[in-house]
Amino acid sequence: MTTDEIRSSVLLTPHQLYERQRRDEEVTVLAVQSINPYTGRPSFTGQRIPGAIDTEAYEDFQSPASAQEGQRPLPKIEALQARARAWGLLAERPVVIYDADRSMTAARAWWVLKWAGLPDVRVLDGGFPAWISAGLPTTAEAVEPVPSAIVLSAGHMPQFGPDDAVKLAREGVLLDARIRPNYIGGPVAEGQPPRGHIPGAISAPAPDNVTDYGNFTDAATLVQMFAALGVDGQRPVGVYCGAGMSAAHTVLALASIGISAAMYPGSWSAWVSDPTRPVVVGAYPDSRPA
């Protein structure tokens, strides 16, 4: 495939999606709504892409938090299947997902649906802001989807756990997709989990995957950016973050340049649940243990 074909296999521009809708091609559009966990601000503005079905980032694409599995465990496949049926998803129909914030929650939804076996899932590059900027139509009308009988199954995306994380850092490339202050770590209040990173992990903040406008940066830049971190398509790559959201964003960015990467679903929130696991503090992959 060409560079453009690889990118469009996981990312669609607003005009590409609009043309599909204008030609009456069958495509299911999911709007991932959320309440920002830091500001409390809801993402929904009252408008959506015509035909879009509302979903909820922190309910539909995760299970409740647990000490062992982290803050955002993967959803139970039975619960996700019930939601997919309510949304009317079909295995033979492409799914396009968007959000309103740099595709952070949309990327998680993309990863989860791919993990559950849906073959053609893509993210709207730039999300709802890019759709608005392109001057494309919006609506306040909610969609009542026709339920389906889709059958989902788990395990269709590469993933890894804590033991594999150590091995990946040693034999491949382990990327930490959190913002750099969280990677560097440092003192924490009493009773709070430690800050820092998994030994050998390389800092690769997910916000670097996108431009100031919120769309994923061009393929040539992404190739150079990840190559500088040792990701060249020759060695295995794994990604983690705080709880499996920014990591999904980086897995998506890598997929857009033709590189497959595994994700640690529990990520840092699961790693630090075991006090015997080492924590590295500092700006380098192997600084001093905390």
Protein backbone atom coordinates (compact mmCIF):
# COMPACT_ATOMS: atom_id res chain seq x y z
CA MET A 1 0.00 0.00 0.00
CA THR A 2 1.03 3.60 -0.51
CA THR A 3 1.64 5.94 2.41
CA ASP A 4 -1.77 7.56 1.84
CA GLU A 5 -3.51 4.18 1.68
CA ILE A 6 -1.90 3.08 4.95
CA ARG A 7 -2.99 6.27 6.67
CA SER A 8 -6.54 6.17 5.30
CA SER A 9 -6.91 2.57 6.52
CA VAL A 10 -7.06 3.95 10.08
CA LEU A 11 -7.67 7.71 9.66
CA LEU A 12 -10.28 9.47 7.53
CA THR A 13 -10.35 13.19 6.84
CA PRO A 14 -13.65 15.03 7.30
CA HIS A 15 -14.06 15.37 3.53
CA GLN A 16 -13.43 11.65 3.01
CA LEU A 17 -16.17 10.80 5.51
CA TYR A 18 -18.51 13.42 4.04
CA GLU A 19 -18.04 12.02 0.54
CA ARG A 20 -18.89 8.55 1.79
CA GLN A 21 -22.07 9.86 3.37
CA ARG A 22 -22.94 11.92 0.29
CA ARG A 23 -22.62 8.80 -1.88
CA ASP A 24 -24.87 6.95 0.57
CA GLU A 25 -22.16 4.44 1.36
CA GLU A 26 -23.01 2.39 4.43
CA VAL A 27 -20.87 3.57 7.33
CA THR A 28 -21.59 3.78 11.06
CA VAL A 29 -20.39 6.95 12.75
CA LEU A 30 -19.81 6.90 16.51
CA ALA A 31 -19.43 10.13 18.48
CA VAL A 32 -17.41 9.54 21.64
CA GLN A 33 -18.74 11.91 24.27
CA SER A 34 -17.05 12.44 27.62
CA ILE A 35 -16.65 14.68 30.62
CA ASN A 36 -13.08 15.89 30.95
CA PRO A 37 -11.75 14.21 34.13
CA TYR A 38 -9.59 17.24 34.94
CA THR A 39 -11.91 20.16 34.17
CA GLY A 40 -15.32 18.53 34.48
CA ARG A 41 -16.27 20.05 31.13
CA PRO A 42 -18.56 17.94 28.91
CA SER A 43 -17.50 17.42 25.30
CA PHE A 44 -21.03 17.46 23.86
CA THR A 45 -22.02 20.85 22.44
CA GLY A 46 -25.53 19.93 21.30
CA GLN A 47 -24.33 19.33 17.74
CA ARG A 48 -23.03 16.20 16.06
CA ILE A 49 -22.12 14.89 12.63
CA PRO A 50 -25.34 13.87 10.83
CA GLY A 51 -26.06 10.21 11.50
CA ALA A 52 -23.64 9.94 14.41
CA ILE A 53 -24.54 7.68 17.33
CA ASP A 54 -23.54 8.92 20.78
CA THR A 55 -21.26 6.77 22.94
CA GLU A 56 -19.61 7.48 26.30
CA ALA A 57 -15.84 7.26 26.63
CA TYR A 58 -15.59 6.31 30.29
CA GLU A 59 -18.51 3.89 30.39
CA ASP A 60 -18.75 2.12 27.04
CA PHE A 61 -15.08 1.33 26.41
CA GLN A 62 -13.86 0.24 29.83
CA SER A 63 -14.76 -1.70 32.94
CA PRO A 64 -14.74 -0.26 36.47
CA ALA A 65 -11.30 0.35 37.93
CA SER A 66 -9.55 -2.34 39.91
CA ALA A 67 -6.22 -2.49 41.73
CA GLN A 68 -4.83 -5.28 39.59
CA GLU A 69 -6.13 -4.12 36.19
CA GLY A 70 -5.75 -0.38 36.65
CA GLN A 71 -8.01 2.63 36.33
CA ARG A 72 -9.51 1.71 32.95
CA PRO A 73 -9.62 -2.06 32.43
CA LEU A 74 -10.84 -3.37 29.12
CA PRO A 75 -14.61 -3.82 28.96
CA LYS A 76 -16.11 -7.24 29.47
CA ILE A 77 -16.75 -8.57 26.01
CA GLU A 78 -20.38 -9.41 26.83
CA ALA A 79 -21.05 -5.82 27.93
CA LEU A 80 -19.30 -4.38 24.88
CA GLN A 81 -21.22 -6.72 22.58
CA ALA A 82 -24.52 -5.58 24.10
CA ARG A 83 -23.58 -1.97 23.45
CA ALA A 84 -22.38 -2.75 19.92
CA ARG A 85 -25.73 -4.40 19.19
CA ALA A 86 -27.60 -1.39 20.56
CA TRP A 87 -25.51 0.88 18.30
CA GLY A 88 -26.39 -1.33 15.33
CA LEU A 89 -22.80 -2.24 14.50
CA LEU A 90 -22.27 -4.78 11.74
CA ALA A 91 -19.04 -6.65 11.01
CA GLU A 92 -19.33 -5.89 7.29
CA ARG A 93 -19.98 -2.15 7.76
CA PRO A 94 -17.09 0.30 8.36
CA VAL A 95 -17.12 2.26 11.62
CA VAL A 96 -15.78 5.81 11.88
CA ILE A 97 -15.21 7.25 15.35
CA TYR A 98 -14.69 10.84 16.40
CA ASP A 99 -14.38 12.96 19.51
CA ALA A 100 -13.84 16.64 20.26
CA ASP A 101 -10.33 16.52 21.75
CA ARG A 102 -7.41 15.45 19.54
CA SER A 103 -8.82 11.93 19.09
CA MET A 104 -7.71 10.88 22.59
CA THR A 105 -10.97 9.15 23.53
CA ALA A 106 -11.73 8.17 19.93
CA ALA A 107 -8.41 6.31 19.75
CA ARG A 108 -9.34 4.29 22.83
CA ALA A 109 -12.69 3.41 21.26
CA TRP A 110 -10.90 2.49 18.02
CA TRP A 111 -8.52 0.16 19.85
CA VAL A 112 -11.28 -1.48 21.90
CA LEU A 113 -13.50 -2.16 18.88
CA LYS A 114 -10.55 -3.54 16.90
CA TRP A 115 -9.63 -5.67 19.94
CA ALA A 116 -13.21 -6.97 19.92
CA GLY A 117 -12.90 -8.14 16.31
CA LEU A 118 -14.40 -5.40 14.16
CA PRO A 119 -12.36 -5.45 10.95
CA ASP A 120 -12.79 -1.90 9.63
CA VAL A 121 -12.64 0.80 12.28
CA ARG A 122 -11.20 4.25 11.62
CA VAL A 123 -10.85 7.55 13.44
CA LEU A 124 -11.93 10.89 12.02
CA ASP A 125 -8.68 12.82 11.75
CA GLY A 126 -9.02 16.01 13.77
CA GLY A 127 -12.40 14.99 15.13
CA PHE A 128 -15.42 17.24 15.42
CA PRO A 129 -13.36 20.49 15.41
CA ALA A 130 -11.88 19.51 12.02
CA TRP A 131 -15.37 18.71 10.71
CA ILE A 132 -16.56 22.17 11.81
CA SER A 133 -13.48 23.88 10.35
CA ALA A 134 -14.15 22.18 7.01
CA GLY A 135 -17.58 23.82 6.91
CA LEU A 136 -19.44 20.52 6.85
CA PRO A 137 -23.01 20.13 8.10
CA THR A 138 -23.96 19.37 11.69
CA THR A 139 -27.22 18.50 13.39
CA ALA A 140 -28.80 18.44 16.84
CA GLU A 141 -30.86 15.43 15.85
CA ALA A 142 -30.06 12.22 17.69
CA VAL A 143 -30.06 8.92 15.85
CA GLU A 144 -32.12 5.90 16.85
CA PRO A 145 -29.99 3.04 15.53
CA VAL A 146 -31.46 -0.22 14.32
CA PRO A 147 -30.16 -2.90 16.72
CA SER A 148 -27.98 -5.65 15.31
CA ALA A 149 -27.01 -9.18 16.29
CA ILE A 150 -23.25 -8.70 15.95
CA VAL A 151 -21.03 -11.20 17.74
CA LEU A 152 -17.77 -9.89 19.24
CA SER A 153 -14.78 -11.73 20.66
CA ALA A 154 -11.77 -10.50 22.59
CA GLY A 155 -8.10 -10.52 21.74
CA HIS A 156 -7.80 -9.22 18.18
CA MET A 157 -5.25 -6.50 19.01
CA PRO A 158 -1.75 -7.18 20.38
CA GLN A 159 -1.44 -6.47 24.08
CA PHE A 160 1.00 -7.22 26.88
CA GLY A 161 1.26 -7.25 30.66
CA PRO A 162 3.84 -6.30 33.29
CA ASP A 163 6.24 -9.19 32.69
CA ASP A 164 6.22 -8.56 28.95
CA ALA A 165 6.84 -4.85 29.58
CA VAL A 166 10.23 -5.58 31.09
CA LYS A 167 11.09 -7.91 28.20
CA LEU A 168 9.97 -5.37 25.60
CA ALA A 169 12.14 -2.67 27.15
CA ARG A 170 15.09 -5.02 26.95
CA GLU A 171 14.56 -6.68 23.56
CA GLY A 172 12.42 -4.17 21.68
CA VAL A 173 11.09 -0.65 22.27
CA LEU A 174 8.82 0.28 25.17
CA LEU A 175 7.17 3.68 24.76
CA ASP A 176 5.62 5.69 27.59
CA ALA A 177 2.85 7.82 26.07
CA ARG A 178 2.17 10.01 29.12
CA ILE A 179 3.15 13.65 29.31
CA ARG A 180 6.81 14.05 30.22
CA PRO A 181 6.34 15.27 33.84
CA ASN A 182 4.53 12.04 34.66
CA TYR A 183 7.30 10.02 33.01
CA ILE A 184 10.01 11.84 34.98
CA GLY A 185 8.08 11.46 38.23
CA GLY A 186 9.21 12.61 41.62
CA PRO A 187 7.86 13.04 45.15
CA VAL A 188 4.23 12.23 45.90
CA ALA A 189 1.97 12.86 48.87
CA GLU A 190 1.71 10.14 51.47
CA GLY A 191 -0.63 7.37 50.38
CA GLN A 192 -0.43 8.27 46.69
CA PRO A 193 0.98 5.87 44.07
CA PRO A 194 4.57 6.47 42.98
CA ARG A 195 5.42 8.56 39.94
CA GLY A 196 8.03 7.73 37.35
CA HIS A 197 8.28 5.08 34.63
CA ILE A 198 8.91 1.42 33.89
CA PRO A 199 12.64 0.66 33.65
CA GLY A 200 13.86 1.01 30.09
CA ALA A 201 10.78 2.84 28.84
CA ILE A 202 11.32 5.75 26.45
CA SER A 203 9.29 8.94 26.81
CA ALA A 204 6.99 9.48 23.81
CA PRO A 205 4.15 11.83 24.87
CA ALA A 206 0.96 11.15 22.92
CA PRO A 207 0.20 14.88 22.41
CA ASP A 208 3.24 14.93 20.10
CA ASN A 209 1.29 12.73 17.67
CA VAL A 210 -0.94 15.64 16.65
CA THR A 211 -0.54 19.17 15.35
CA ASP A 212 -1.74 22.34 17.05
CA TYR A 213 -5.01 21.91 15.12
CA GLY A 214 -5.68 18.47 16.59
CA ASN A 215 -5.18 16.33 13.49
CA PHE A 216 -2.49 13.65 13.33
CA THR A 217 0.74 15.00 11.94
CA ASP A 218 1.88 13.97 8.48
CA ALA A 219 3.33 10.52 7.87
CA ALA A 220 6.86 11.70 7.06
CA THR A 221 7.08 13.56 10.37
CA LEU A 222 5.68 10.64 12.36
CA VAL A 223 8.20 8.29 10.73
CA GLN A 224 11.08 10.58 11.72
CA MET A 225 9.70 11.16 15.21
CA PHE A 226 9.37 7.47 16.05
CA ALA A 227 12.60 6.48 14.27
CA ALA A 228 14.43 8.83 16.63
CA LEU A 229 13.03 6.74 19.48
CA GLY A 230 14.23 3.49 17.93
CA VAL A 231 10.92 2.54 16.31
CA ASP A 232 11.74 1.55 12.75
CA GLY A 233 9.45 -1.42 12.13
CA GLN A 234 12.23 -3.95 12.76
CA ARG A 235 11.89 -4.51 16.51
CA PRO A 236 8.76 -5.25 18.58
CA VAL A 237 7.09 -2.17 20.01
CA GLY A 238 4.91 -1.82 23.09
CA VAL A 239 3.13 1.26 24.42
CA TYR A 240 1.74 2.15 27.84
CA CYS A 241 0.42 5.31 29.46
CA GLY A 242 -1.48 6.05 32.65
CA ALA A 243 -4.48 3.81 32.06
CA GLY A 244 -4.66 2.78 28.41
CA MET A 245 -5.95 5.87 26.63
CA SER A 246 -2.92 7.85 25.46
CA ALA A 247 -1.28 4.51 24.67
CA ALA A 248 -4.11 3.69 22.26
CA HIS A 249 -3.55 7.09 20.64
CA THR A 250 0.10 6.22 20.01
CA VAL A 251 -0.79 2.73 18.72
CA LEU A 252 -3.11 4.49 16.26
CA ALA A 253 -0.41 6.97 15.23
CA LEU A 254 1.98 4.09 14.58
CA ALA A 255 -0.67 2.19 12.62
CA SER A 256 -1.08 5.26 10.40
CA ILE A 257 2.54 4.78 9.25
CA GLY A 258 2.28 1.01 8.94
CA ILE A 259 3.88 -0.03 12.25
CA SER A 260 2.09 -2.49 14.51
CA ALA A 261 2.45 -1.94 18.25
CA ALA A 262 1.11 -3.77 21.29
CA MET A 263 -0.60 -1.97 24.19
CA TYR A 264 -0.44 -2.54 27.94
CA PRO A 265 -4.14 -2.04 28.85
CA GLY A 266 -3.55 -1.60 32.59
CA SER A 267 -0.55 0.66 31.97
CA TRP A 268 1.03 2.64 34.81
CA SER A 269 -2.03 2.44 37.07
CA ALA A 270 -1.75 -1.36 37.01
CA TRP A 271 2.05 -1.45 37.14
CA VAL A 272 2.24 0.46 40.44
CA SER A 273 -0.47 -1.69 42.05
CA ASP A 274 2.32 -4.12 42.93
CA PRO A 275 4.83 -2.40 45.25
CA THR A 276 7.53 -4.90 44.29
CA ARG A 277 7.67 -3.61 40.71
CA PRO A 278 10.52 -1.16 40.12
CA VAL A 279 9.88 2.51 39.44
CA VAL A 280 12.46 4.70 37.71
CA VAL A 281 12.52 8.43 38.43
CA GLY A 282 14.22 10.84 36.05
CA ALA A 283 14.37 11.95 32.45
CA TYR A 284 16.19 8.88 31.12
CA PRO A 285 14.97 5.33 30.55
CA ASP A 286 17.26 3.87 33.21
CA SER A 287 17.83 6.57 35.79
CA ARG A 288 17.87 5.76 39.49
CA PRO A 289 15.20 3.50 41.07
CA ALA A 290 12.71 5.35 43.24
